[in-house]
């Protein structure tokens, strides 16, 4: 039995369903409402236990939708019951099944220049790879992982000191403008993705640990993601900010060796620590940490 075709995308949708979950999916929802679009339903991830009290809390998108007076569901199939003629998906976190897409067409804001960095972590993978540009794509949703044709692309530069937080903010801002513009001007003539596809797998817990045998530029990019950590004297320490240091050779020095605020890395390179957070303490400057820790010649980070 052959599959039914996907529902066609309306050029000028009248009534929307919105699917999103994390904080970065809140501004596009707010942009739709503030620009007069009719959002009939929001579908989002289930409430989770958050914070020290371990109480059930709604997703950021659910909280925003309730504030805006929009009905909320946790079931994707409910989008078929509200008279929507288009679904808008932003960081929803789940694949949409084909039977739904055969009835209701959907578009997705993806935060990369497709087909580069399809998948769950395009912002983080672009930074780790040392990309100098990324962007947002408004694409038609298909069954595959970010494989659909693209209606519109907006390029966003990646600065030399860009963090995941600042880049994500720039992309969300660009995506909001793109979404509103495209829905107002009409969704016409999507273009198939061209080029080699790369995949942005979710960052795994073990990837956040700093490997001091890697080059300093690789370590510095990991730090800019915001959750990099190492160990010192058997306790975990987050490295919150750092910069490259080209003031001398690290040849013959053990990887992770501390020389003032400098740490020896692979490839005869050094990293200069700016801000750290030792286990159980508040963030502090690297100089304040060093004054208290007083590393000796035998102390090595990550050992």
C-alpha atoms as a PDB file:
ATOM      1  CA  UNK A   1       0.000   0.000   0.000  1.00  0.00           C
ATOM      2  CA  UNK A   2       1.504   3.318  -1.082  1.00  0.00           C
ATOM      3  CA  UNK A   3       1.864   6.194   1.370  1.00  0.00           C
ATOM      4  CA  UNK A   4      -0.357   9.227   1.107  1.00  0.00           C
ATOM      5  CA  UNK A   5       1.445  12.424   0.058  1.00  0.00           C
ATOM      6  CA  UNK A   6       2.314  14.985   2.690  1.00  0.00           C
ATOM      7  CA  UNK A   7      -0.191  17.777   3.163  1.00  0.00           C
ATOM      8  CA  UNK A   8       0.619  20.790   0.953  1.00  0.00           C
ATOM      9  CA  UNK A   9       1.920  23.917   2.661  1.00  0.00           C
ATOM     10  CA  UNK A  10      -0.596  26.782   2.380  1.00  0.00           C
ATOM     11  CA  UNK A  11       0.887  29.922   0.881  1.00  0.00           C
ATOM     12  CA  UNK A  12      -0.879  32.174   3.387  1.00  0.00           C
ATOM     13  CA  UNK A  13      -1.848  30.138   6.464  1.00  0.00           C
ATOM     14  CA  UNK A  14      -4.733  31.508   8.510  1.00  0.00           C
ATOM     15  CA  UNK A  15      -4.723  29.414  11.670  1.00  0.00           C
ATOM     16  CA  UNK A  16      -1.616  27.928  13.271  1.00  0.00           C
ATOM     17  CA  UNK A  17      -0.611  25.222  15.690  1.00  0.00           C
ATOM     18  CA  UNK A  18       2.710  25.752  17.462  1.00  0.00           C
ATOM     19  CA  UNK A  19       5.044  22.998  18.671  1.00  0.00           C
ATOM     20  CA  UNK A  20       8.044  23.850  20.859  1.00  0.00           C
ATOM     21  CA  UNK A  21       9.476  23.191  24.292  1.00  0.00           C
ATOM     22  CA  UNK A  22      12.629  25.017  25.556  1.00  0.00           C
ATOM     23  CA  UNK A  23      13.331  28.673  26.291  1.00  0.00           C
ATOM     24  CA  UNK A  24      14.614  29.355  22.780  1.00  0.00           C
ATOM     25  CA  UNK A  25      11.187  28.398  21.379  1.00  0.00           C
ATOM     26  CA  UNK A  26       9.385  31.081  23.427  1.00  0.00           C
ATOM     27  CA  UNK A  27      10.329  34.216  21.382  1.00  0.00           C
ATOM     28  CA  UNK A  28       8.985  32.834  18.066  1.00  0.00           C
ATOM     29  CA  UNK A  29       5.653  32.054  19.727  1.00  0.00           C
ATOM     30  CA  UNK A  30       5.512  35.534  21.205  1.00  0.00           C
ATOM     31  CA  UNK A  31       6.456  37.042  17.825  1.00  0.00           C
ATOM     32  CA  UNK A  32       3.551  35.250  16.130  1.00  0.00           C
ATOM     33  CA  UNK A  33       1.058  36.537  18.673  1.00  0.00           C
ATOM     34  CA  UNK A  34       2.415  40.104  18.711  1.00  0.00           C
ATOM     35  CA  UNK A  35       2.183  40.210  14.924  1.00  0.00           C
ATOM     36  CA  UNK A  36      -1.458  39.177  14.873  1.00  0.00           C
ATOM     37  CA  UNK A  37      -1.237  35.507  13.897  1.00  0.00           C
ATOM     38  CA  UNK A  38      -3.938  33.140  15.163  1.00  0.00           C
ATOM     39  CA  UNK A  39      -2.335  30.349  17.210  1.00  0.00           C
ATOM     40  CA  UNK A  40      -5.058  27.849  18.042  1.00  0.00           C
ATOM     41  CA  UNK A  41      -2.995  25.387  20.100  1.00  0.00           C
ATOM     42  CA  UNK A  42       0.461  24.943  21.566  1.00  0.00           C
ATOM     43  CA  UNK A  43       1.939  21.447  21.872  1.00  0.00           C
ATOM     44  CA  UNK A  44       4.939  21.083  24.139  1.00  0.00           C
ATOM     45  CA  UNK A  45       6.935  18.628  26.240  1.00  0.00           C
ATOM     46  CA  UNK A  46       5.455  17.211  29.427  1.00  0.00           C
ATOM     47  CA  UNK A  47       5.905  18.933  32.773  1.00  0.00           C
ATOM     48  CA  UNK A  48       9.144  17.911  34.511  1.00  0.00           C
ATOM     49  CA  UNK A  49      10.618  18.043  37.961  1.00  0.00           C
ATOM     50  CA  UNK A  50      12.845  21.108  38.090  1.00  0.00           C
ATOM     51  CA  UNK A  51      14.745  23.031  40.753  1.00  0.00           C
ATOM     52  CA  UNK A  52      15.712  22.203  44.303  1.00  0.00           C
ATOM     53  CA  UNK A  53      12.141  21.600  45.432  1.00  0.00           C
ATOM     54  CA  UNK A  54      11.807  18.840  42.825  1.00  0.00           C
ATOM     55  CA  UNK A  55       8.318  20.097  42.013  1.00  0.00           C
ATOM     56  CA  UNK A  56       6.619  19.566  38.670  1.00  0.00           C
ATOM     57  CA  UNK A  57       7.084  22.589  36.415  1.00  0.00           C
ATOM     58  CA  UNK A  58       5.854  23.370  32.900  1.00  0.00           C
ATOM     59  CA  UNK A  59       8.175  23.770  29.942  1.00  0.00           C
ATOM     60  CA  UNK A  60       9.117  27.380  29.113  1.00  0.00           C
ATOM     61  CA  UNK A  61       6.826  27.255  26.064  1.00  0.00           C
ATOM     62  CA  UNK A  62       3.884  25.978  28.097  1.00  0.00           C
ATOM     63  CA  UNK A  63       4.343  28.729  30.683  1.00  0.00           C
ATOM     64  CA  UNK A  64       4.459  31.359  27.919  1.00  0.00           C
ATOM     65  CA  UNK A  65       1.406  29.924  26.155  1.00  0.00           C
ATOM     66  CA  UNK A  66      -0.646  29.931  29.337  1.00  0.00           C
ATOM     67  CA  UNK A  67       0.354  33.557  29.950  1.00  0.00           C
ATOM     68  CA  UNK A  68      -0.861  34.359  26.427  1.00  0.00           C
ATOM     69  CA  UNK A  69      -4.137  32.509  26.957  1.00  0.00           C
ATOM     70  CA  UNK A  70      -3.416  29.817  24.363  1.00  0.00           C
ATOM     71  CA  UNK A  71      -4.641  26.230  24.950  1.00  0.00           C
ATOM     72  CA  UNK A  72      -1.829  23.753  25.607  1.00  0.00           C
ATOM     73  CA  UNK A  73      -1.507  20.031  24.923  1.00  0.00           C
ATOM     74  CA  UNK A  74       1.213  17.413  25.279  1.00  0.00           C
ATOM     75  CA  UNK A  75      -0.225  15.231  22.468  1.00  0.00           C
ATOM     76  CA  UNK A  76       0.916  15.935  18.908  1.00  0.00           C
ATOM     77  CA  UNK A  77      -2.232  14.427  17.410  1.00  0.00           C
ATOM     78  CA  UNK A  78      -4.297  17.177  19.043  1.00  0.00           C
ATOM     79  CA  UNK A  79      -3.096  19.607  16.344  1.00  0.00           C
ATOM     80  CA  UNK A  80      -5.505  17.830  13.984  1.00  0.00           C
ATOM     81  CA  UNK A  81      -8.524  18.798  16.089  1.00  0.00           C
ATOM     82  CA  UNK A  82      -8.268  22.610  16.204  1.00  0.00           C
ATOM     83  CA  UNK A  83      -8.806  23.651  12.594  1.00  0.00           C
ATOM     84  CA  UNK A  84      -5.169  24.661  12.008  1.00  0.00           C
ATOM     85  CA  UNK A  85      -3.920  24.829   8.420  1.00  0.00           C
ATOM     86  CA  UNK A  86      -0.213  24.953   9.324  1.00  0.00           C
ATOM     87  CA  UNK A  87       1.992  23.756  12.157  1.00  0.00           C
ATOM     88  CA  UNK A  88       5.039  25.797  13.194  1.00  0.00           C
ATOM     89  CA  UNK A  89       7.775  23.771  14.903  1.00  0.00           C
ATOM     90  CA  UNK A  90      10.664  25.275  16.872  1.00  0.00           C
ATOM     91  CA  UNK A  91      12.947  23.072  19.007  1.00  0.00           C
ATOM     92  CA  UNK A  92      10.103  20.680  19.812  1.00  0.00           C
ATOM     93  CA  UNK A  93      12.463  17.804  20.573  1.00  0.00           C
ATOM     94  CA  UNK A  94      10.452  15.017  18.937  1.00  0.00           C
ATOM     95  CA  UNK A  95      10.005  13.789  15.382  1.00  0.00           C
ATOM     96  CA  UNK A  96       6.519  14.291  13.954  1.00  0.00           C
ATOM     97  CA  UNK A  97       4.995  11.081  12.586  1.00  0.00           C
ATOM     98  CA  UNK A  98       4.077  10.862   8.930  1.00  0.00           C
ATOM     99  CA  UNK A  99       0.320  10.273   9.525  1.00  0.00           C
ATOM    100  CA  UNK A 100       0.151  13.719  11.125  1.00  0.00           C
ATOM    101  CA  UNK A 101       2.120  15.360   8.298  1.00  0.00           C
ATOM    102  CA  UNK A 102      -0.218  13.784   5.748  1.00  0.00           C
ATOM    103  CA  UNK A 103      -3.082  15.778   7.283  1.00  0.00           C
ATOM    104  CA  UNK A 104      -1.403  18.985   8.545  1.00  0.00           C
ATOM    105  CA  UNK A 105       1.612  20.536   6.840  1.00  0.00           C
ATOM    106  CA  UNK A 106       4.322  21.897   9.124  1.00  0.00           C
ATOM    107  CA  UNK A 107       7.295  24.234   8.850  1.00  0.00           C
ATOM    108  CA  UNK A 108      10.302  24.255  11.116  1.00  0.00           C
ATOM    109  CA  UNK A 109      12.831  26.929  12.102  1.00  0.00           C
ATOM    110  CA  UNK A 110      16.159  25.095  12.156  1.00  0.00           C
ATOM    111  CA  UNK A 111      19.188  26.873  13.584  1.00  0.00           C
ATOM    112  CA  UNK A 112      21.832  26.056  10.981  1.00  0.00           C
ATOM    113  CA  UNK A 113      22.449  26.417   7.258  1.00  0.00           C
ATOM    114  CA  UNK A 114      21.071  23.099   6.088  1.00  0.00           C
ATOM    115  CA  UNK A 115      22.167  20.511   5.152  1.00  0.00           C
ATOM    116  CA  UNK A 116      25.024  21.335   7.539  1.00  0.00           C
ATOM    117  CA  UNK A 117      24.230  20.397  11.125  1.00  0.00           C
ATOM    118  CA  UNK A 118      20.987  18.534  10.877  1.00  0.00           C
ATOM    119  CA  UNK A 119      19.878  17.304  14.280  1.00  0.00           C
ATOM    120  CA  UNK A 120      19.558  18.203  17.935  1.00  0.00           C
ATOM    121  CA  UNK A 121      22.591  20.404  18.674  1.00  0.00           C
ATOM    122  CA  UNK A 122      23.386  22.593  15.634  1.00  0.00           C
ATOM    123  CA  UNK A 123      24.494  25.617  17.686  1.00  0.00           C
ATOM    124  CA  UNK A 124      26.934  23.635  19.818  1.00  0.00           C
ATOM    125  CA  UNK A 125      28.341  21.611  16.921  1.00  0.00           C
ATOM    126  CA  UNK A 126      28.917  24.714  14.799  1.00  0.00           C
ATOM    127  CA  UNK A 127      30.944  26.273  17.613  1.00  0.00           C
ATOM    128  CA  UNK A 128      32.920  23.106  18.317  1.00  0.00           C
ATOM    129  CA  UNK A 129      33.783  22.770  14.634  1.00  0.00           C
ATOM    130  CA  UNK A 130      35.104  26.318  14.477  1.00  0.00           C
ATOM    131  CA  UNK A 131      32.543  27.418  11.863  1.00  0.00           C
ATOM    132  CA  UNK A 132      32.648  31.125  11.061  1.00  0.00           C
ATOM    133  CA  UNK A 133      29.026  31.349   9.946  1.00  0.00           C
ATOM    134  CA  UNK A 134      25.728  29.618  10.558  1.00  0.00           C
ATOM    135  CA  UNK A 135      22.120  30.729  10.183  1.00  0.00           C
ATOM    136  CA  UNK A 136      18.457  29.846  10.248  1.00  0.00           C
ATOM    137  CA  UNK A 137      16.426  27.883   7.748  1.00  0.00           C
ATOM    138  CA  UNK A 138      12.648  27.879   7.500  1.00  0.00           C
ATOM    139  CA  UNK A 139      11.976  24.436   6.062  1.00  0.00           C
ATOM    140  CA  UNK A 140       9.064  22.150   5.329  1.00  0.00           C
ATOM    141  CA  UNK A 141       8.889  19.297   7.796  1.00  0.00           C
ATOM    142  CA  UNK A 142       9.299  15.772   6.453  1.00  0.00           C
ATOM    143  CA  UNK A 143       9.660  12.388   8.149  1.00  0.00           C
ATOM    144  CA  UNK A 144      13.450  12.541   7.900  1.00  0.00           C
ATOM    145  CA  UNK A 145      15.673  14.408  10.316  1.00  0.00           C
ATOM    146  CA  UNK A 146      15.782  18.007   8.999  1.00  0.00           C
ATOM    147  CA  UNK A 147      15.708  16.835   5.388  1.00  0.00           C
ATOM    148  CA  UNK A 148      12.848  18.968   4.022  1.00  0.00           C
ATOM    149  CA  UNK A 149      13.033  21.672   1.360  1.00  0.00           C
ATOM    150  CA  UNK A 150      13.876  25.190   2.508  1.00  0.00           C
ATOM    151  CA  UNK A 151      11.664  28.260   2.037  1.00  0.00           C
ATOM    152  CA  UNK A 152      14.146  30.817   3.356  1.00  0.00           C
ATOM    153  CA  UNK A 153      17.730  31.058   4.656  1.00  0.00           C
ATOM    154  CA  UNK A 154      19.301  33.777   6.805  1.00  0.00           C
ATOM    155  CA  UNK A 155      23.063  33.789   7.473  1.00  0.00           C
ATOM    156  CA  UNK A 156      24.404  34.692  10.920  1.00  0.00           C
ATOM    157  CA  UNK A 157      28.157  35.236  11.512  1.00  0.00           C
ATOM    158  CA  UNK A 158      29.906  33.455  14.371  1.00  0.00           C
ATOM    159  CA  UNK A 159      32.235  35.824  16.217  1.00  0.00           C
ATOM    160  CA  UNK A 160      35.668  34.778  17.426  1.00  0.00           C
ATOM    161  CA  UNK A 161      34.524  34.958  21.067  1.00  0.00           C
ATOM    162  CA  UNK A 162      30.952  33.802  20.451  1.00  0.00           C
ATOM    163  CA  UNK A 163      29.428  31.669  23.186  1.00  0.00           C
ATOM    164  CA  UNK A 164      26.620  29.175  22.768  1.00  0.00           C
ATOM    165  CA  UNK A 165      24.367  31.524  24.715  1.00  0.00           C
ATOM    166  CA  UNK A 166      25.105  34.610  22.610  1.00  0.00           C
ATOM    167  CA  UNK A 167      24.942  32.713  19.309  1.00  0.00           C
ATOM    168  CA  UNK A 168      21.664  31.092  20.278  1.00  0.00           C
ATOM    169  CA  UNK A 169      20.212  34.526  21.076  1.00  0.00           C
ATOM    170  CA  UNK A 170      21.297  35.875  17.671  1.00  0.00           C
ATOM    171  CA  UNK A 171      19.803  32.896  15.871  1.00  0.00           C
ATOM    172  CA  UNK A 172      16.509  33.096  17.743  1.00  0.00           C
ATOM    173  CA  UNK A 173      16.219  36.803  16.898  1.00  0.00           C
ATOM    174  CA  UNK A 174      16.929  36.091  13.223  1.00  0.00           C
ATOM    175  CA  UNK A 175      14.492  33.173  13.242  1.00  0.00           C
ATOM    176  CA  UNK A 176      11.665  35.273  14.698  1.00  0.00           C
ATOM    177  CA  UNK A 177      12.037  37.911  11.979  1.00  0.00           C
ATOM    178  CA  UNK A 178      12.311  35.223   9.325  1.00  0.00           C
ATOM    179  CA  UNK A 179       9.192  33.380  10.478  1.00  0.00           C
ATOM    180  CA  UNK A 180       6.988  36.478  10.600  1.00  0.00           C
ATOM    181  CA  UNK A 181       8.285  37.758   7.248  1.00  0.00           C
ATOM    182  CA  UNK A 182       7.760  34.460   5.451  1.00  0.00           C
ATOM    183  CA  UNK A 183       4.253  33.893   6.806  1.00  0.00           C
ATOM    184  CA  UNK A 184       3.276  37.447   5.834  1.00  0.00           C
ATOM    185  CA  UNK A 185       4.882  37.393   2.377  1.00  0.00           C
ATOM    186  CA  UNK A 186       3.778  33.863   1.553  1.00  0.00           C
ATOM    187  CA  UNK A 187       5.391  30.421   1.655  1.00  0.00           C
ATOM    188  CA  UNK A 188       6.404  29.908  -1.958  1.00  0.00           C
ATOM    189  CA  UNK A 189       8.714  27.581  -3.869  1.00  0.00           C
ATOM    190  CA  UNK A 190      10.795  25.740  -1.254  1.00  0.00           C
ATOM    191  CA  UNK A 191      14.193  24.638  -2.533  1.00  0.00           C
ATOM    192  CA  UNK A 192      15.661  21.179  -1.945  1.00  0.00           C
ATOM    193  CA  UNK A 193      18.756  21.061   0.234  1.00  0.00           C
ATOM    194  CA  UNK A 194      22.010  20.793  -1.707  1.00  0.00           C
ATOM    195  CA  UNK A 195      25.432  19.756  -0.452  1.00  0.00           C
ATOM    196  CA  UNK A 196      26.987  17.334   1.999  1.00  0.00           C
ATOM    197  CA  UNK A 197      24.893  16.732   5.088  1.00  0.00           C
ATOM    198  CA  UNK A 198      26.492  16.805   8.533  1.00  0.00           C
ATOM    199  CA  UNK A 199      24.763  15.785  11.739  1.00  0.00           C
ATOM    200  CA  UNK A 200      24.596  17.631  15.042  1.00  0.00           C
ATOM    201  CA  UNK A 201      24.206  14.889  17.627  1.00  0.00           C
ATOM    202  CA  UNK A 202      23.225  15.900  21.147  1.00  0.00           C
ATOM    203  CA  UNK A 203      26.250  16.683  23.330  1.00  0.00           C
ATOM    204  CA  UNK A 204      26.876  13.665  25.544  1.00  0.00           C
ATOM    205  CA  UNK A 205      27.901  14.085  29.225  1.00  0.00           C
ATOM    206  CA  UNK A 206      31.411  12.766  28.622  1.00  0.00           C
ATOM    207  CA  UNK A 207      32.023  15.381  25.908  1.00  0.00           C
ATOM    208  CA  UNK A 208      31.893  18.219  28.450  1.00  0.00           C
ATOM    209  CA  UNK A 209      35.069  16.981  30.168  1.00  0.00           C
ATOM    210  CA  UNK A 210      38.135  18.886  29.007  1.00  0.00           C
ATOM    211  CA  UNK A 211      40.865  16.773  27.436  1.00  0.00           C
ATOM    212  CA  UNK A 212      44.018  18.812  27.987  1.00  0.00           C
ATOM    213  CA  UNK A 213      45.823  16.756  25.350  1.00  0.00           C
ATOM    214  CA  UNK A 214      43.668  18.537  22.752  1.00  0.00           C
ATOM    215  CA  UNK A 215      44.846  21.800  21.248  1.00  0.00           C
ATOM    216  CA  UNK A 216      44.043  24.980  23.162  1.00  0.00           C
ATOM    217  CA  UNK A 217      41.763  26.292  20.379  1.00  0.00           C
ATOM    218  CA  UNK A 218      39.653  23.129  20.625  1.00  0.00           C
ATOM    219  CA  UNK A 219      39.456  23.420  24.415  1.00  0.00           C
ATOM    220  CA  UNK A 220      38.567  27.116  24.184  1.00  0.00           C
ATOM    221  CA  UNK A 221      35.678  26.359  21.829  1.00  0.00           C
ATOM    222  CA  UNK A 222      34.373  23.735  24.252  1.00  0.00           C
ATOM    223  CA  UNK A 223      34.552  26.271  27.096  1.00  0.00           C
ATOM    224  CA  UNK A 224      32.435  28.696  25.065  1.00  0.00           C
ATOM    225  CA  UNK A 225      29.587  26.166  25.097  1.00  0.00           C
ATOM    226  CA  UNK A 226      29.131  26.898  28.807  1.00  0.00           C
ATOM    227  CA  UNK A 227      29.447  23.562  30.616  1.00  0.00           C
ATOM    228  CA  UNK A 228      33.062  22.447  30.232  1.00  0.00           C
ATOM    229  CA  UNK A 229      34.726  20.953  33.302  1.00  0.00           C
ATOM    230  CA  UNK A 230      37.943  19.420  34.534  1.00  0.00           C
ATOM    231  CA  UNK A 231      39.236  18.141  37.860  1.00  0.00           C
ATOM    232  CA  UNK A 232      41.705  19.527  40.375  1.00  0.00           C
ATOM    233  CA  UNK A 233      42.952  17.422  43.276  1.00  0.00           C
ATOM    234  CA  UNK A 234      40.173  14.935  42.685  1.00  0.00           C
ATOM    235  CA  UNK A 235      37.302  17.442  42.653  1.00  0.00           C
ATOM    236  CA  UNK A 236      35.357  18.734  39.688  1.00  0.00           C
ATOM    237  CA  UNK A 237      35.885  22.320  38.532  1.00  0.00           C
ATOM    238  CA  UNK A 238      33.981  24.084  35.770  1.00  0.00           C
ATOM    239  CA  UNK A 239      35.904  26.296  33.369  1.00  0.00           C
ATOM    240  CA  UNK A 240      33.520  29.123  32.514  1.00  0.00           C
ATOM    241  CA  UNK A 241      35.749  31.425  30.476  1.00  0.00           C
ATOM    242  CA  UNK A 242      39.193  31.120  28.935  1.00  0.00           C
ATOM    243  CA  UNK A 243      41.254  32.429  26.041  1.00  0.00           C
ATOM    244  CA  UNK A 244      44.127  31.322  23.877  1.00  0.00           C
ATOM    245  CA  UNK A 245      47.643  32.237  25.019  1.00  0.00           C
ATOM    246  CA  UNK A 246      50.387  32.363  22.414  1.00  0.00           C
ATOM    247  CA  UNK A 247      53.089  33.759  24.676  1.00  0.00           C
ATOM    248  CA  UNK A 248      55.311  30.716  24.771  1.00  0.00           C
ATOM    249  CA  UNK A 249      55.954  27.053  23.977  1.00  0.00           C
ATOM    250  CA  UNK A 250      54.436  24.209  25.984  1.00  0.00           C
ATOM    251  CA  UNK A 251      56.771  21.638  24.430  1.00  0.00           C
ATOM    252  CA  UNK A 252      57.884  19.089  27.009  1.00  0.00           C
ATOM    253  CA  UNK A 253      55.284  20.226  29.560  1.00  0.00           C
ATOM    254  CA  UNK A 254      52.716  17.726  30.850  1.00  0.00           C
ATOM    255  CA  UNK A 255      49.220  18.331  29.454  1.00  0.00           C
ATOM    256  CA  UNK A 256      47.119  20.070  32.107  1.00  0.00           C
ATOM    257  CA  UNK A 257      50.161  21.516  33.897  1.00  0.00           C
ATOM    258  CA  UNK A 258      49.372  24.880  35.529  1.00  0.00           C
ATOM    259  CA  UNK A 259      51.734  27.791  35.032  1.00  0.00           C
ATOM    260  CA  UNK A 260      50.089  30.791  36.656  1.00  0.00           C
ATOM    261  CA  UNK A 261      46.737  31.134  34.891  1.00  0.00           C
ATOM    262  CA  UNK A 262      48.077  29.232  31.886  1.00  0.00           C
ATOM    263  CA  UNK A 263      47.397  25.555  31.280  1.00  0.00           C
ATOM    264  CA  UNK A 264      49.444  23.420  28.902  1.00  0.00           C
ATOM    265  CA  UNK A 265      47.446  21.827  26.082  1.00  0.00           C
ATOM    266  CA  UNK A 266      48.250  19.532  23.182  1.00  0.00           C
ATOM    267  CA  UNK A 267      49.986  20.685  20.036  1.00  0.00           C
ATOM    268  CA  UNK A 268      52.428  22.896  21.924  1.00  0.00           C
ATOM    269  CA  UNK A 269      49.641  25.334  22.915  1.00  0.00           C
ATOM    270  CA  UNK A 270      48.441  27.107  26.064  1.00  0.00           C
ATOM    271  CA  UNK A 271      45.047  28.151  27.412  1.00  0.00           C
ATOM    272  CA  UNK A 272      44.654  31.118  29.751  1.00  0.00           C
ATOM    273  CA  UNK A 273      42.000  30.591  32.425  1.00  0.00           C
ATOM    274  CA  UNK A 274      39.696  33.554  33.083  1.00  0.00           C
ATOM    275  CA  UNK A 275      36.766  32.288  35.188  1.00  0.00           C
ATOM    276  CA  UNK A 276      36.319  28.987  37.011  1.00  0.00           C
ATOM    277  CA  UNK A 277      33.896  27.408  39.445  1.00  0.00           C
ATOM    278  CA  UNK A 278      35.349  24.868  41.882  1.00  0.00           C
ATOM    279  CA  UNK A 279      32.998  22.195  43.170  1.00  0.00           C
ATOM    280  CA  UNK A 280      30.650  23.557  45.839  1.00  0.00           C
ATOM    281  CA  UNK A 281      31.670  27.188  45.289  1.00  0.00           C
ATOM    282  CA  UNK A 282      30.490  30.201  43.349  1.00  0.00           C
ATOM    283  CA  UNK A 283      32.139  31.259  40.074  1.00  0.00           C
ATOM    284  CA  UNK A 284      35.348  33.229  40.606  1.00  0.00           C
ATOM    285  CA  UNK A 285      38.226  34.670  38.657  1.00  0.00           C
ATOM    286  CA  UNK A 286      41.030  32.271  37.910  1.00  0.00           C
ATOM    287  CA  UNK A 287      43.441  34.501  39.843  1.00  0.00           C
ATOM    288  CA  UNK A 288      41.224  34.297  42.958  1.00  0.00           C
ATOM    289  CA  UNK A 289      41.070  30.523  42.636  1.00  0.00           C
ATOM    290  CA  UNK A 290      44.834  30.258  42.240  1.00  0.00           C
ATOM    291  CA  UNK A 291      45.423  32.434  45.314  1.00  0.00           C
ATOM    292  CA  UNK A 292      43.353  30.028  47.377  1.00  0.00           C
ATOM    293  CA  UNK A 293      44.335  26.719  45.786  1.00  0.00           C
ATOM    294  CA  UNK A 294      48.059  27.459  45.487  1.00  0.00           C
ATOM    295  CA  UNK A 295      48.883  24.742  42.919  1.00  0.00           C
ATOM    296  CA  UNK A 296      52.236  23.044  43.324  1.00  0.00           C
ATOM    297  CA  UNK A 297      54.578  21.796  40.623  1.00  0.00           C
ATOM    298  CA  UNK A 298      52.944  18.371  40.744  1.00  0.00           C
ATOM    299  CA  UNK A 299      49.367  19.560  40.319  1.00  0.00           C
ATOM    300  CA  UNK A 300      47.849  18.796  36.923  1.00  0.00           C
ATOM    301  CA  UNK A 301      44.317  19.640  35.837  1.00  0.00           C
ATOM    302  CA  UNK A 302      42.269  16.646  34.754  1.00  0.00           C
ATOM    303  CA  UNK A 303      44.487  14.055  36.414  1.00  0.00           C
END
